[in-house]
Amino acid sequence: MYLDFLCRGTLPELETRFSVVSCTAACNEAVVAHNLEPVAAHLICRAIGAAALLSPLLNDTERFTIRWEYPGVLNSIMADIGADCDLRALINPASIGEGVESLDKLFGEAGTVAVTKSDQPTGRVLASGTSEAVLHDVVEDLAHHFAVSDQLETALAVLVQFAPDPARPVRQCYGIMLQAMPDCDLEQFDDLRKRLLAPEVRSILEAGERDEDFASEVLNALTHDLDCSCQLYPGPAPVYRCGCSHDSSVAMLQTLPVAERDEIRSSGEAVRVRCHFCAKTYEIAPGDVP
């Protein structure tokens, strides 16, 4: 049995903050809800892992909406994450196929990453930015976005493994984020970034299911020969949660032209509205159409 968790903290002497996440259950819900084939499943899980790692950067009522767009076979991925690490995601297309023989064909030449921070209760946009996505990897492209758009040196690593189980296709999804703070030595930070790729760290990521002690293991492997301490705090566990409802579906119908809504009401037949994020379908009676 896996246990999803989120930890955050700082390496004070290195002027670096971090977050560590396990979001296996959330990834399984996304893959099953969207009925994704393996390539699309792998891509959306990496996007979910990367998005979850950003949750500690948010205040209580804030949300990040991240949209990756590419000109290749992969068209787009969108992930939405809140301060409570409640998230949702979708990918287009949902069936990419295993015959994509190169990253160039999958991603195309250059895409974009757009990150919007908003206030959840009001919907007010607090900050937004777009950067070029040229690294052929959704995780690396997002890290690059923070470096060039927000001027925050950021390193992200997400590892996803699968299992031959249709009900639980994602065996594990672990991730770690490192982000430079204002007085960080950037040469030291670059060394930490390289350590994320070291065999000692990857072996911990690949080792299998575990609890929050995983965060300490990863950080110890990253800093084992450095003179630094670690301040580690638990955060809310990731949960795949969609904000759709019958009422929001009714409200969405109000965006249709008046003539089209009149036609639905006069037909006497219920209209079905399907949520793209969670695949839930709501049946709206003709008399409830606004």
Protein backbone atom coordinates (compact mmCIF):
# COMPACT_ATOMS: atom_id res chain seq x y z
CA MET A 1 0.00 0.00 0.00
CA TYR A 2 1.45 3.36 -1.00
CA LEU A 3 1.21 6.57 1.00
CA ASP A 4 1.10 9.88 -0.81
CA PHE A 5 2.80 12.75 0.99
CA LEU A 6 4.34 16.18 0.54
CA CYS A 7 7.27 17.56 2.52
CA ARG A 8 8.86 20.97 2.24
CA GLY A 9 11.72 22.76 3.91
CA THR A 10 15.03 24.56 3.55
CA LEU A 11 18.75 23.88 3.54
CA PRO A 12 19.59 27.11 5.45
CA GLU A 13 23.35 27.12 4.94
CA LEU A 14 22.88 26.59 1.21
CA GLU A 15 20.10 29.19 0.90
CA THR A 16 17.97 26.60 -0.88
CA ARG A 17 14.37 25.54 -0.38
CA PHE A 18 12.98 22.20 -1.43
CA SER A 19 9.88 20.07 -1.67
CA VAL A 20 9.56 16.30 -1.93
CA VAL A 21 6.41 14.51 -3.05
CA SER A 22 4.84 11.13 -3.60
CA CYS A 23 1.71 11.44 -5.72
CA THR A 24 1.10 7.86 -6.83
CA ALA A 25 -2.59 7.76 -5.88
CA ALA A 26 -3.29 11.08 -7.60
CA CYS A 27 -1.55 9.86 -10.76
CA ASN A 28 -3.53 6.63 -10.74
CA GLU A 29 -6.79 8.55 -10.52
CA ALA A 30 -5.81 10.75 -13.46
CA VAL A 31 -4.68 7.88 -15.67
CA VAL A 32 -7.78 5.78 -14.96
CA ALA A 33 -10.21 8.71 -15.24
CA HIS A 34 -8.84 9.70 -18.65
CA ASN A 35 -8.29 6.08 -19.80
CA LEU A 36 -4.78 6.96 -20.97
CA GLU A 37 -2.47 4.74 -22.98
CA PRO A 38 1.15 4.35 -21.74
CA VAL A 39 2.87 7.33 -23.41
CA ALA A 40 0.14 9.81 -22.45
CA ALA A 41 -0.01 8.28 -18.96
CA HIS A 42 3.72 8.78 -18.47
CA LEU A 43 3.55 12.39 -19.63
CA ILE A 44 0.58 13.37 -17.46
CA CYS A 45 2.14 11.71 -14.40
CA ARG A 46 5.33 13.70 -14.86
CA ALA A 47 3.27 16.87 -15.19
CA ILE A 48 1.28 16.03 -12.04
CA GLY A 49 4.47 15.31 -10.09
CA ALA A 50 6.04 18.60 -11.19
CA ALA A 51 2.87 20.57 -10.38
CA ALA A 52 2.56 18.99 -6.92
CA LEU A 53 6.12 20.06 -6.09
CA LEU A 54 5.08 23.70 -6.61
CA SER A 55 2.30 23.58 -4.01
CA PRO A 56 4.48 24.89 -1.10
CA LEU A 57 5.14 28.06 -3.13
CA LEU A 58 1.46 29.06 -2.78
CA ASN A 59 -0.37 30.92 -0.04
CA ASP A 60 -3.61 29.58 1.40
CA THR A 61 -6.07 30.69 -1.30
CA GLU A 62 -3.74 30.67 -4.30
CA ARG A 63 -3.56 28.26 -7.25
CA PHE A 64 -1.11 27.58 -10.05
CA THR A 65 -2.44 26.72 -13.49
CA ILE A 66 0.29 25.31 -15.70
CA ARG A 67 -0.18 24.77 -19.41
CA TRP A 68 2.35 23.10 -21.68
CA GLU A 69 1.75 23.46 -25.42
CA TYR A 70 3.82 21.71 -28.07
CA PRO A 71 3.69 21.58 -31.89
CA GLY A 72 4.42 17.83 -32.05
CA VAL A 73 2.17 14.78 -31.65
CA LEU A 74 1.68 15.95 -28.07
CA ASN A 75 -0.58 18.97 -28.26
CA SER A 76 -0.99 20.12 -24.67
CA ILE A 77 -1.02 19.24 -20.99
CA MET A 78 -2.73 21.29 -18.33
CA ALA A 79 -2.32 20.91 -14.57
CA ASP A 80 -3.98 22.88 -11.80
CA ILE A 81 -2.68 22.84 -8.20
CA GLY A 82 -3.71 24.55 -4.96
CA ALA A 83 -1.97 25.32 -1.68
CA ASP A 84 -3.64 22.23 -0.16
CA CYS A 85 -2.02 20.15 -2.93
CA ASP A 86 -5.41 19.42 -4.47
CA LEU A 87 -4.82 18.98 -8.17
CA ARG A 88 -6.27 17.98 -11.50
CA ALA A 89 -4.82 17.53 -14.97
CA LEU A 90 -5.64 16.66 -18.56
CA ILE A 91 -3.69 15.83 -21.69
CA ASN A 92 -4.45 16.21 -25.39
CA PRO A 93 -4.43 13.83 -27.14
CA ALA A 94 -5.21 11.06 -24.65
CA SER A 95 -3.91 8.44 -27.07
CA ILE A 96 -0.46 9.21 -28.43
CA GLY A 97 0.63 5.69 -29.34
CA GLU A 98 3.90 3.93 -28.77
CA GLY A 99 5.04 4.41 -32.38
CA VAL A 100 6.41 7.91 -31.78
CA GLU A 101 10.03 7.15 -32.57
CA SER A 102 11.68 10.35 -31.36
CA LEU A 103 11.29 13.19 -28.89
CA ASP A 104 11.42 15.62 -31.83
CA LYS A 105 8.28 14.04 -33.25
CA LEU A 106 6.55 13.83 -29.86
CA PHE A 107 7.23 17.43 -28.77
CA GLY A 108 8.03 19.23 -32.01
CA GLU A 109 10.66 21.94 -32.34
CA ALA A 110 9.66 24.42 -29.62
CA GLY A 111 6.59 24.79 -27.45
CA THR A 112 5.58 27.05 -24.60
CA VAL A 113 5.02 26.79 -20.86
CA ALA A 114 2.55 29.22 -19.31
CA VAL A 115 2.16 29.50 -15.52
CA THR A 116 -0.63 31.55 -13.96
CA LYS A 117 -1.02 32.21 -10.25
CA SER A 118 -4.54 33.19 -9.23
CA ASP A 119 -6.58 33.84 -6.12
CA GLN A 120 -9.03 30.95 -5.83
CA PRO A 121 -12.03 32.69 -4.23
CA THR A 122 -12.07 35.63 -6.65
CA GLY A 123 -10.40 34.17 -9.72
CA ARG A 124 -8.15 37.23 -9.85
CA VAL A 125 -4.86 36.68 -11.67
CA LEU A 126 -1.94 37.50 -9.35
CA ALA A 127 0.91 36.72 -11.73
CA SER A 128 1.47 35.07 -15.07
CA GLY A 129 4.31 34.29 -17.41
CA THR A 130 5.11 32.32 -20.55
CA SER A 131 8.44 30.90 -21.66
CA GLU A 132 9.74 28.83 -24.53
CA ALA A 133 9.76 25.04 -24.04
CA VAL A 134 12.64 23.48 -25.95
CA LEU A 135 13.96 20.73 -23.65
CA HIS A 136 11.58 17.97 -24.83
CA ASP A 137 10.51 17.16 -21.28
CA VAL A 138 7.60 18.65 -19.34
CA VAL A 139 9.50 18.59 -16.03
CA GLU A 140 12.67 20.20 -17.41
CA ASP A 141 10.64 22.74 -19.38
CA LEU A 142 8.82 23.80 -16.21
CA ALA A 143 12.08 24.15 -14.26
CA HIS A 144 13.48 26.23 -17.12
CA HIS A 145 10.37 28.43 -17.01
CA PHE A 146 11.00 29.45 -13.39
CA ALA A 147 14.64 30.20 -14.18
CA VAL A 148 13.90 32.49 -17.15
CA SER A 149 10.45 33.89 -16.33
CA ASP A 150 10.66 34.29 -12.54
CA GLN A 151 14.48 34.50 -12.28
CA LEU A 152 14.42 31.63 -9.76
CA GLU A 153 17.00 28.91 -10.39
CA THR A 154 14.97 25.71 -10.06
CA ALA A 155 15.74 22.01 -10.37
CA LEU A 156 12.96 19.43 -10.70
CA ALA A 157 13.18 15.66 -10.84
CA VAL A 158 10.17 13.33 -11.21
CA LEU A 159 10.36 9.57 -11.58
CA VAL A 160 7.35 7.51 -12.67
CA GLN A 161 7.12 3.71 -12.74
CA PHE A 162 4.23 1.59 -13.97
CA ALA A 163 2.70 -1.76 -13.07
CA PRO A 164 0.70 -4.25 -15.19
CA ASP A 165 -2.50 -3.53 -13.28
CA PRO A 166 -5.37 -1.72 -15.08
CA ALA A 167 -6.90 -0.64 -11.76
CA ARG A 168 -3.59 0.74 -10.46
CA PRO A 169 -1.32 1.29 -13.47
CA VAL A 170 1.06 3.71 -11.72
CA ARG A 171 3.34 1.85 -9.32
CA GLN A 172 4.93 5.03 -8.00
CA CYS A 173 5.52 8.69 -8.77
CA TYR A 174 8.11 10.52 -6.69
CA GLY A 175 9.54 13.99 -7.19
CA ILE A 176 11.86 16.56 -5.69
CA MET A 177 12.26 20.29 -6.27
CA LEU A 178 15.23 22.47 -5.35
CA GLN A 179 14.93 26.24 -5.65
CA ALA A 180 17.54 28.90 -5.01
CA MET A 181 16.76 31.55 -2.39
CA PRO A 182 17.96 35.19 -2.76
CA ASP A 183 21.45 34.72 -1.23
CA CYS A 184 22.11 31.30 -2.74
CA ASP A 185 25.55 30.53 -4.18
CA LEU A 186 24.55 29.61 -7.72
CA GLU A 187 27.64 27.47 -8.28
CA GLN A 188 26.72 25.45 -5.21
CA PHE A 189 23.14 25.24 -6.44
CA ASP A 190 24.33 23.96 -9.81
CA ASP A 191 26.23 21.24 -7.95
CA LEU A 192 23.02 20.26 -6.13
CA ARG A 193 21.19 20.18 -9.47
CA LYS A 194 23.76 17.74 -10.84
CA ARG A 195 23.48 15.58 -7.73
CA LEU A 196 19.80 15.01 -8.54
CA LEU A 197 21.01 12.90 -11.47
CA ALA A 198 23.55 10.92 -9.43
CA PRO A 199 23.10 7.12 -9.10
CA GLU A 200 22.79 7.41 -5.31
CA VAL A 201 19.75 9.65 -5.61
CA ARG A 202 18.16 7.79 -8.51
CA SER A 203 18.44 4.48 -6.65
CA ILE A 204 16.39 5.98 -3.81
CA LEU A 205 13.78 7.24 -6.27
CA GLU A 206 13.55 3.79 -7.86
CA ALA A 207 13.54 1.79 -4.62
CA GLY A 208 9.77 1.48 -4.27
CA GLU A 209 6.97 2.31 -1.88
CA ARG A 210 7.71 3.99 1.42
CA ASP A 211 6.54 6.78 3.71
CA GLU A 212 7.75 10.30 4.51
CA ASP A 213 11.18 8.98 5.55
CA PHE A 214 11.84 8.98 1.81
CA ALA A 215 12.30 12.77 1.93
CA SER A 216 15.08 12.47 4.51
CA GLU A 217 16.78 9.74 2.48
CA VAL A 218 16.83 11.87 -0.67
CA LEU A 219 18.09 14.97 1.12
CA ASN A 220 20.80 13.00 2.95
CA ALA A 221 21.97 11.58 -0.38
CA LEU A 222 22.05 15.06 -1.90
CA THR A 223 23.98 16.69 0.95
CA HIS A 224 25.92 13.80 2.55
CA ASP A 225 29.33 15.51 2.22
CA LEU A 226 28.16 19.10 2.65
CA ASP A 227 28.23 21.11 5.86
CA CYS A 228 24.55 21.96 6.06
CA SER A 229 21.45 21.26 8.09
CA CYS A 230 17.96 20.45 6.93
CA GLN A 231 14.68 21.93 8.12
CA LEU A 232 11.91 19.55 7.07
CA TYR A 233 8.17 20.10 7.50
CA PRO A 234 5.20 17.92 6.50
CA GLY A 235 2.63 19.33 4.12
CA PRO A 236 -0.81 18.25 2.87
CA ALA A 237 -0.82 15.02 0.88
CA PRO A 238 -1.58 15.37 -2.84
CA VAL A 239 -5.13 14.54 -3.82
CA TYR A 240 -6.68 14.43 -7.26
CA ARG A 241 -9.78 16.55 -6.85
CA CYS A 242 -11.92 18.23 -9.44
CA GLY A 243 -13.98 21.31 -8.67
CA CYS A 244 -16.80 20.40 -11.02
CA SER A 245 -20.39 20.07 -9.80
CA HIS A 246 -23.97 20.01 -11.05
CA ASP A 247 -24.27 23.73 -10.30
CA SER A 248 -21.06 24.62 -12.14
CA SER A 249 -22.24 22.58 -15.12
CA VAL A 250 -25.51 24.50 -15.17
CA ALA A 251 -23.56 27.77 -14.98
CA MET A 252 -21.39 26.64 -17.89
CA LEU A 253 -24.50 26.25 -20.07
CA GLN A 254 -25.16 29.94 -19.59
CA THR A 255 -22.22 30.62 -21.91
CA LEU A 256 -24.17 29.07 -24.81
CA PRO A 257 -26.04 31.35 -27.22
CA VAL A 258 -29.61 32.19 -26.17
CA ALA A 259 -31.07 30.42 -29.21
CA GLU A 260 -29.21 27.21 -28.37
CA ARG A 261 -30.39 27.28 -24.75
CA ASP A 262 -33.98 27.89 -25.92
CA GLU A 263 -33.68 24.86 -28.17
CA ILE A 264 -32.49 22.66 -25.29
CA ARG A 265 -35.38 23.78 -23.08
CA SER A 266 -37.99 23.24 -25.78
CA SER A 267 -36.64 19.78 -26.67
CA GLY A 268 -37.79 18.35 -23.36
CA GLU A 269 -34.64 16.20 -23.20
CA ALA A 270 -31.92 16.39 -20.59
CA VAL A 271 -28.50 17.57 -21.70
CA ARG A 272 -25.36 15.80 -20.53
CA VAL A 273 -22.25 17.77 -19.58
CA ARG A 274 -18.98 15.86 -19.23
CA CYS A 275 -16.07 17.25 -17.21
CA HIS A 276 -12.80 17.03 -19.11
CA PHE A 277 -10.75 16.76 -15.90
CA CYS A 278 -12.45 13.89 -14.09
CA ALA A 279 -14.72 12.39 -16.79
CA LYS A 280 -17.79 12.78 -14.57
CA THR A 281 -21.03 13.39 -16.46
CA TYR A 282 -23.83 15.63 -15.18
CA GLU A 283 -27.38 15.37 -16.49
CA ILE A 284 -29.11 18.75 -16.68
CA ALA A 285 -32.91 18.76 -16.92
CA PRO A 286 -34.36 21.12 -19.59
CA GLY A 287 -36.04 23.18 -16.88
CA ASP A 288 -32.68 23.80 -15.17
CA VAL A 289 -31.03 25.28 -18.27
CA PRO A 290 -30.50 29.01 -17.51
